[in-house]
N, C-alpha and C. Protein backbone atom coordinates (compact mmCIF):
# COMPACT_ATOMS: atom_id res chain seq x y z
N TRP A 1 0.83 -1.19 0.00
CA TRP A 1 0.00 0.00 0.00
C TRP A 1 0.87 1.24 0.00
N SER A 2 0.48 2.20 -0.74
CA SER A 2 1.20 3.47 -0.78
C SER A 2 0.89 4.27 0.48
N ASP A 3 1.88 5.05 0.93
CA ASP A 3 1.65 5.92 2.07
C ASP A 3 0.60 6.98 1.75
N ALA A 4 0.42 7.27 0.46
CA ALA A 4 -0.52 8.30 0.06
C ALA A 4 -1.97 7.82 0.12
N GLN A 5 -2.16 6.52 0.24
CA GLN A 5 -3.52 5.99 0.26
C GLN A 5 -4.17 6.28 1.61
N PRO A 6 -5.38 6.82 1.59
CA PRO A 6 -6.05 7.14 2.84
C PRO A 6 -6.21 5.92 3.74
N ARG A 7 -6.03 6.14 5.04
CA ARG A 7 -6.11 5.06 6.02
C ARG A 7 -7.47 4.36 5.97
N GLY A 8 -8.54 5.10 5.83
CA GLY A 8 -9.88 4.51 5.80
C GLY A 8 -10.04 3.52 4.66
N ARG A 9 -9.45 3.82 3.52
CA ARG A 9 -9.57 2.91 2.38
C ARG A 9 -8.79 1.62 2.63
N ARG A 10 -7.60 1.74 3.24
CA ARG A 10 -6.81 0.55 3.58
C ARG A 10 -7.58 -0.33 4.55
N THR A 11 -8.20 0.28 5.54
CA THR A 11 -8.96 -0.47 6.54
C THR A 11 -10.15 -1.17 5.89
N ARG A 12 -10.87 -0.47 5.01
CA ARG A 12 -12.00 -1.11 4.31
C ARG A 12 -11.52 -2.26 3.45
N GLY A 13 -10.38 -2.09 2.80
CA GLY A 13 -9.84 -3.15 1.95
C GLY A 13 -9.44 -4.38 2.75
N LYS A 14 -8.82 -4.17 3.90
CA LYS A 14 -8.43 -5.30 4.76
C LYS A 14 -9.67 -6.02 5.28
N ARG A 15 -10.66 -5.25 5.68
CA ARG A 15 -11.91 -5.86 6.17
C ARG A 15 -12.61 -6.64 5.06
N ALA A 16 -12.61 -6.07 3.86
CA ALA A 16 -13.24 -6.74 2.71
C ALA A 16 -12.53 -8.07 2.43
N LEU A 17 -11.22 -8.07 2.47
CA LEU A 17 -10.46 -9.30 2.24
C LEU A 17 -10.74 -10.32 3.34
N ALA A 18 -10.83 -9.86 4.58
CA ALA A 18 -11.12 -10.77 5.69
C ALA A 18 -12.51 -11.41 5.53
N LEU A 19 -13.49 -10.61 5.11
CA LEU A 19 -14.84 -11.15 4.91
C LEU A 19 -14.85 -12.14 3.74
N ARG A 20 -14.13 -11.80 2.67
CA ARG A 20 -14.04 -12.71 1.52
C ARG A 20 -13.38 -14.02 1.95
N ASP A 21 -12.26 -13.92 2.65
CA ASP A 21 -11.53 -15.11 3.06
C ASP A 21 -12.38 -16.00 3.95
N ARG A 22 -13.12 -15.40 4.86
CA ARG A 22 -14.00 -16.18 5.74
C ARG A 22 -15.07 -16.91 4.93
N ALA A 23 -15.66 -16.21 3.97
CA ALA A 23 -16.70 -16.82 3.13
C ALA A 23 -16.13 -17.97 2.31
N VAL A 24 -14.95 -17.77 1.74
CA VAL A 24 -14.30 -18.83 0.96
C VAL A 24 -14.04 -20.05 1.82
N LEU A 25 -13.46 -19.84 2.99
CA LEU A 25 -13.14 -20.97 3.87
C LEU A 25 -14.40 -21.69 4.35
N GLU A 26 -15.44 -20.94 4.68
CA GLU A 26 -16.72 -21.56 5.09
C GLU A 26 -17.28 -22.41 3.95
N LEU A 27 -17.22 -21.88 2.73
CA LEU A 27 -17.76 -22.61 1.57
C LEU A 27 -16.94 -23.88 1.31
N LEU A 28 -15.63 -23.76 1.34
CA LEU A 28 -14.78 -24.93 1.12
C LEU A 28 -15.02 -25.99 2.19
N PHE A 29 -15.08 -25.56 3.44
CA PHE A 29 -15.29 -26.48 4.55
C PHE A 29 -16.65 -27.18 4.43
N ALA A 30 -17.67 -26.43 4.03
CA ALA A 30 -19.03 -26.97 3.97
C ALA A 30 -19.26 -27.91 2.79
N THR A 31 -18.53 -27.68 1.71
CA THR A 31 -18.86 -28.40 0.47
C THR A 31 -17.75 -29.29 -0.07
N GLY A 32 -16.51 -28.99 0.26
CA GLY A 32 -15.41 -29.75 -0.33
C GLY A 32 -15.20 -29.45 -1.80
N LEU A 33 -15.63 -28.28 -2.24
CA LEU A 33 -15.44 -27.91 -3.65
C LEU A 33 -13.98 -27.98 -4.05
N ARG A 34 -13.74 -28.31 -5.29
CA ARG A 34 -12.38 -28.22 -5.84
C ARG A 34 -12.05 -26.75 -6.04
N ALA A 35 -10.77 -26.43 -6.02
CA ALA A 35 -10.33 -25.04 -6.19
C ALA A 35 -10.87 -24.45 -7.49
N SER A 36 -10.81 -25.20 -8.56
CA SER A 36 -11.28 -24.68 -9.86
C SER A 36 -12.79 -24.44 -9.85
N GLU A 37 -13.53 -25.28 -9.16
CA GLU A 37 -14.98 -25.10 -9.07
C GLU A 37 -15.32 -23.82 -8.32
N LEU A 38 -14.63 -23.58 -7.22
CA LEU A 38 -14.89 -22.36 -6.44
C LEU A 38 -14.50 -21.12 -7.25
N CYS A 39 -13.37 -21.17 -7.91
CA CYS A 39 -12.88 -19.99 -8.64
C CYS A 39 -13.76 -19.62 -9.82
N ARG A 40 -14.40 -20.60 -10.44
CA ARG A 40 -15.23 -20.24 -11.59
C ARG A 40 -16.72 -20.12 -11.26
N ALA A 41 -17.07 -20.20 -9.98
CA ALA A 41 -18.48 -20.07 -9.58
C ALA A 41 -18.96 -18.63 -9.80
N PRO A 42 -20.02 -18.46 -10.57
CA PRO A 42 -20.58 -17.11 -10.74
C PRO A 42 -21.45 -16.74 -9.54
N VAL A 43 -21.53 -15.46 -9.29
CA VAL A 43 -22.30 -14.95 -8.16
C VAL A 43 -23.76 -15.38 -8.25
N VAL A 44 -24.30 -15.52 -9.46
CA VAL A 44 -25.71 -15.89 -9.62
C VAL A 44 -26.01 -17.32 -9.20
N ASP A 45 -24.98 -18.15 -9.02
CA ASP A 45 -25.22 -19.54 -8.62
C ASP A 45 -25.36 -19.72 -7.11
N PHE A 46 -25.12 -18.66 -6.36
CA PHE A 46 -25.35 -18.71 -4.91
C PHE A 46 -26.78 -18.30 -4.64
N ASP A 47 -27.50 -19.11 -3.89
CA ASP A 47 -28.90 -18.83 -3.56
C ASP A 47 -29.07 -18.86 -2.04
N ALA A 48 -29.07 -17.67 -1.44
CA ALA A 48 -29.18 -17.57 0.02
C ALA A 48 -30.54 -18.07 0.51
N ASP A 49 -31.60 -17.79 -0.24
CA ASP A 49 -32.93 -18.21 0.18
C ASP A 49 -33.06 -19.74 0.21
N ASP A 50 -32.47 -20.38 -0.79
CA ASP A 50 -32.51 -21.84 -0.89
C ASP A 50 -31.37 -22.50 -0.11
N ARG A 51 -30.45 -21.65 0.41
CA ARG A 51 -29.26 -22.13 1.13
C ARG A 51 -28.50 -23.16 0.31
N SER A 52 -28.16 -22.74 -0.93
CA SER A 52 -27.46 -23.67 -1.81
C SER A 52 -26.58 -22.92 -2.81
N ILE A 53 -25.74 -23.69 -3.47
CA ILE A 53 -24.92 -23.17 -4.56
C ILE A 53 -24.91 -24.21 -5.67
N VAL A 54 -24.97 -23.74 -6.89
CA VAL A 54 -24.89 -24.62 -8.05
C VAL A 54 -23.43 -24.72 -8.45
N VAL A 55 -22.97 -25.94 -8.64
CA VAL A 55 -21.62 -26.17 -9.13
C VAL A 55 -21.74 -26.64 -10.56
N ARG A 56 -21.25 -25.84 -11.48
CA ARG A 56 -21.34 -26.16 -12.91
C ARG A 56 -20.06 -26.85 -13.35
N ARG A 57 -20.20 -27.72 -14.30
CA ARG A 57 -19.06 -28.46 -14.86
C ARG A 57 -18.24 -29.11 -13.75
N ALA A 58 -18.94 -29.76 -12.86
CA ALA A 58 -18.25 -30.48 -11.78
C ALA A 58 -17.61 -31.74 -12.36
N LYS A 59 -17.10 -32.58 -11.50
CA LYS A 59 -16.46 -33.81 -11.96
C LYS A 59 -17.41 -34.58 -12.87
N GLY A 60 -16.90 -34.98 -14.00
CA GLY A 60 -17.73 -35.70 -14.96
C GLY A 60 -18.55 -34.77 -15.84
N GLY A 61 -18.35 -33.46 -15.71
CA GLY A 61 -19.06 -32.50 -16.55
C GLY A 61 -20.51 -32.28 -16.16
N VAL A 62 -20.89 -32.78 -15.00
CA VAL A 62 -22.27 -32.68 -14.54
C VAL A 62 -22.40 -31.51 -13.56
N SER A 63 -23.51 -30.78 -13.67
CA SER A 63 -23.79 -29.71 -12.71
C SER A 63 -24.57 -30.30 -11.54
N ARG A 64 -24.35 -29.70 -10.37
CA ARG A 64 -25.09 -30.18 -9.19
C ARG A 64 -25.36 -29.00 -8.26
N ARG A 65 -26.42 -29.11 -7.49
CA ARG A 65 -26.78 -28.11 -6.48
C ARG A 65 -26.42 -28.68 -5.12
N LEU A 66 -25.61 -27.91 -4.38
CA LEU A 66 -25.17 -28.36 -3.07
C LEU A 66 -25.85 -27.55 -1.97
N PRO A 67 -26.35 -28.22 -0.95
CA PRO A 67 -26.91 -27.50 0.20
C PRO A 67 -25.78 -26.86 1.00
N LEU A 68 -26.08 -25.74 1.64
CA LEU A 68 -25.10 -25.03 2.45
C LEU A 68 -25.61 -24.89 3.88
N PRO A 69 -24.73 -25.09 4.85
CA PRO A 69 -25.14 -24.87 6.23
C PRO A 69 -25.24 -23.37 6.51
N ALA A 70 -25.97 -23.03 7.55
CA ALA A 70 -26.21 -21.63 7.88
C ALA A 70 -24.93 -20.80 8.02
N PRO A 71 -23.86 -21.28 8.67
CA PRO A 71 -22.67 -20.44 8.78
C PRO A 71 -22.07 -20.05 7.43
N ALA A 72 -22.11 -20.96 6.47
CA ALA A 72 -21.59 -20.65 5.14
C ALA A 72 -22.47 -19.62 4.44
N VAL A 73 -23.78 -19.79 4.55
CA VAL A 73 -24.71 -18.84 3.93
C VAL A 73 -24.51 -17.44 4.51
N VAL A 74 -24.43 -17.36 5.82
CA VAL A 74 -24.23 -16.07 6.50
C VAL A 74 -22.92 -15.43 6.05
N ALA A 75 -21.84 -16.21 6.02
CA ALA A 75 -20.53 -15.66 5.65
C ALA A 75 -20.52 -15.18 4.20
N ILE A 76 -21.12 -15.95 3.29
CA ILE A 76 -21.15 -15.55 1.88
C ILE A 76 -22.03 -14.32 1.70
N GLN A 77 -23.19 -14.30 2.33
CA GLN A 77 -24.08 -13.15 2.20
C GLN A 77 -23.44 -11.89 2.76
N ARG A 78 -22.77 -12.01 3.86
CA ARG A 78 -22.08 -10.85 4.46
C ARG A 78 -20.99 -10.34 3.52
N TYR A 79 -20.22 -11.26 2.94
CA TYR A 79 -19.21 -10.88 1.95
C TYR A 79 -19.86 -10.15 0.77
N LEU A 80 -20.96 -10.68 0.26
CA LEU A 80 -21.63 -10.04 -0.88
C LEU A 80 -22.16 -8.66 -0.51
N ASP A 81 -22.73 -8.54 0.68
CA ASP A 81 -23.32 -7.27 1.10
C ASP A 81 -22.29 -6.21 1.46
N GLU A 82 -21.20 -6.63 2.10
CA GLU A 82 -20.28 -5.65 2.68
C GLU A 82 -18.91 -5.56 2.01
N ALA A 83 -18.49 -6.59 1.29
CA ALA A 83 -17.10 -6.62 0.85
C ALA A 83 -16.89 -6.70 -0.66
N ARG A 84 -17.74 -7.41 -1.36
CA ARG A 84 -17.48 -7.62 -2.78
C ARG A 84 -17.40 -6.32 -3.54
N GLY A 85 -18.30 -5.39 -3.26
CA GLY A 85 -18.29 -4.08 -3.93
C GLY A 85 -17.01 -3.30 -3.64
N VAL A 86 -16.51 -3.40 -2.42
CA VAL A 86 -15.25 -2.74 -2.05
C VAL A 86 -14.11 -3.32 -2.87
N LEU A 87 -14.07 -4.64 -3.01
CA LEU A 87 -13.01 -5.28 -3.78
C LEU A 87 -13.11 -4.95 -5.26
N LEU A 88 -14.33 -4.84 -5.76
CA LEU A 88 -14.49 -4.47 -7.17
C LEU A 88 -13.98 -3.05 -7.41
N GLY A 89 -14.18 -2.18 -6.44
CA GLY A 89 -13.62 -0.84 -6.50
C GLY A 89 -13.90 -0.06 -7.77
N GLY A 90 -15.04 -0.24 -8.37
CA GLY A 90 -15.39 0.54 -9.55
C GLY A 90 -15.02 -0.11 -10.88
N VAL A 91 -14.33 -1.26 -10.86
CA VAL A 91 -14.02 -1.94 -12.12
C VAL A 91 -15.25 -2.71 -12.58
N ASP A 92 -15.27 -3.08 -13.85
CA ASP A 92 -16.39 -3.86 -14.37
C ASP A 92 -16.51 -5.17 -13.61
N ASP A 93 -17.72 -5.51 -13.25
CA ASP A 93 -17.99 -6.73 -12.48
C ASP A 93 -17.78 -7.95 -13.38
N PRO A 94 -16.84 -8.83 -13.03
CA PRO A 94 -16.60 -10.02 -13.85
C PRO A 94 -17.65 -11.11 -13.67
N GLY A 95 -18.53 -10.95 -12.67
CA GLY A 95 -19.59 -11.92 -12.44
C GLY A 95 -19.19 -13.08 -11.55
N ALA A 96 -17.92 -13.16 -11.17
CA ALA A 96 -17.44 -14.25 -10.32
C ALA A 96 -17.92 -14.04 -8.89
N LEU A 97 -18.24 -15.13 -8.21
CA LEU A 97 -18.67 -15.04 -6.82
C LEU A 97 -17.57 -14.43 -5.97
N PHE A 98 -16.35 -14.91 -6.13
CA PHE A 98 -15.25 -14.41 -5.33
C PHE A 98 -14.25 -13.67 -6.21
N VAL A 99 -13.92 -12.45 -5.77
CA VAL A 99 -13.00 -11.62 -6.55
C VAL A 99 -11.77 -11.27 -5.72
N SER A 100 -10.71 -10.93 -6.44
CA SER A 100 -9.44 -10.55 -5.82
C SER A 100 -9.51 -9.11 -5.33
N GLN A 101 -8.44 -8.65 -4.72
CA GLN A 101 -8.41 -7.28 -4.23
C GLN A 101 -8.34 -6.25 -5.34
N ILE A 102 -8.15 -6.70 -6.59
CA ILE A 102 -8.17 -5.75 -7.72
C ILE A 102 -9.42 -5.96 -8.58
N GLY A 103 -10.36 -6.77 -8.09
CA GLY A 103 -11.65 -6.91 -8.76
C GLY A 103 -11.72 -7.95 -9.85
N THR A 104 -10.68 -8.76 -10.00
CA THR A 104 -10.70 -9.83 -10.98
C THR A 104 -11.15 -11.12 -10.29
N PRO A 105 -11.62 -12.10 -11.07
CA PRO A 105 -12.01 -13.36 -10.43
C PRO A 105 -10.84 -13.96 -9.65
N LEU A 106 -11.14 -14.51 -8.50
CA LEU A 106 -10.13 -15.18 -7.69
C LEU A 106 -9.58 -16.35 -8.50
N ASN A 107 -8.27 -16.51 -8.54
CA ASN A 107 -7.69 -17.62 -9.30
C ASN A 107 -7.21 -18.71 -8.34
N VAL A 108 -6.87 -19.86 -8.91
CA VAL A 108 -6.52 -21.03 -8.09
C VAL A 108 -5.28 -20.76 -7.24
N ALA A 109 -4.28 -20.10 -7.79
CA ALA A 109 -3.06 -19.81 -7.02
C ALA A 109 -3.38 -18.92 -5.82
N SER A 110 -4.20 -17.90 -6.03
CA SER A 110 -4.59 -17.01 -4.93
C SER A 110 -5.43 -17.76 -3.90
N LEU A 111 -6.29 -18.64 -4.36
CA LEU A 111 -7.10 -19.44 -3.45
C LEU A 111 -6.22 -20.33 -2.58
N ARG A 112 -5.24 -20.94 -3.17
CA ARG A 112 -4.34 -21.80 -2.39
C ARG A 112 -3.59 -21.00 -1.33
N ALA A 113 -3.15 -19.80 -1.70
CA ALA A 113 -2.46 -18.93 -0.74
C ALA A 113 -3.41 -18.53 0.39
N LEU A 114 -4.65 -18.24 0.04
CA LEU A 114 -5.66 -17.88 1.04
C LEU A 114 -5.87 -19.03 2.03
N VAL A 115 -5.98 -20.23 1.52
CA VAL A 115 -6.19 -21.41 2.38
C VAL A 115 -4.96 -21.63 3.26
N ARG A 116 -3.77 -21.45 2.69
CA ARG A 116 -2.54 -21.62 3.47
C ARG A 116 -2.49 -20.61 4.61
N ARG A 117 -2.83 -19.32 4.31
CA ARG A 117 -2.86 -18.30 5.37
C ARG A 117 -3.89 -18.64 6.43
N GLY A 118 -5.05 -19.12 6.00
CA GLY A 118 -6.10 -19.50 6.94
C GLY A 118 -5.66 -20.61 7.85
N GLY A 119 -4.92 -21.58 7.33
CA GLY A 119 -4.41 -22.68 8.12
C GLY A 119 -3.36 -22.24 9.12
N GLU A 120 -2.57 -21.24 8.75
CA GLU A 120 -1.53 -20.73 9.66
C GLU A 120 -2.13 -20.02 10.87
N ARG A 121 -3.34 -19.48 10.72
CA ARG A 121 -3.99 -18.76 11.82
C ARG A 121 -4.58 -19.69 12.86
N CYS A 122 -4.79 -20.95 12.50
CA CYS A 122 -5.42 -21.91 13.43
C CYS A 122 -4.48 -22.38 14.49
């Protein structure tokens, strides 16, 4: 981060990343999704009302709907409500459920680093 960047923006960015990371870890823990499945999940495939997520092109090329426990739904909804827009930061929305700190879809390498950091905190 540049010293010229306002403190409030840095704080919002850190909070947004923390909310995203929590949602990702809750989803992985609840579903056992493969990294590639999580990274290519579009935001429209999450259904908070139905407490589920659609996984497209899963193993064998088949799509499936997975139920989600309440903690995962809460974490994902909170990320969508409070953090995703901050991470997008005015760039065109790529439609991905999880985005990076520069507003691009989360990639597998970044996801692995996120999981590694999450494991180090335990």
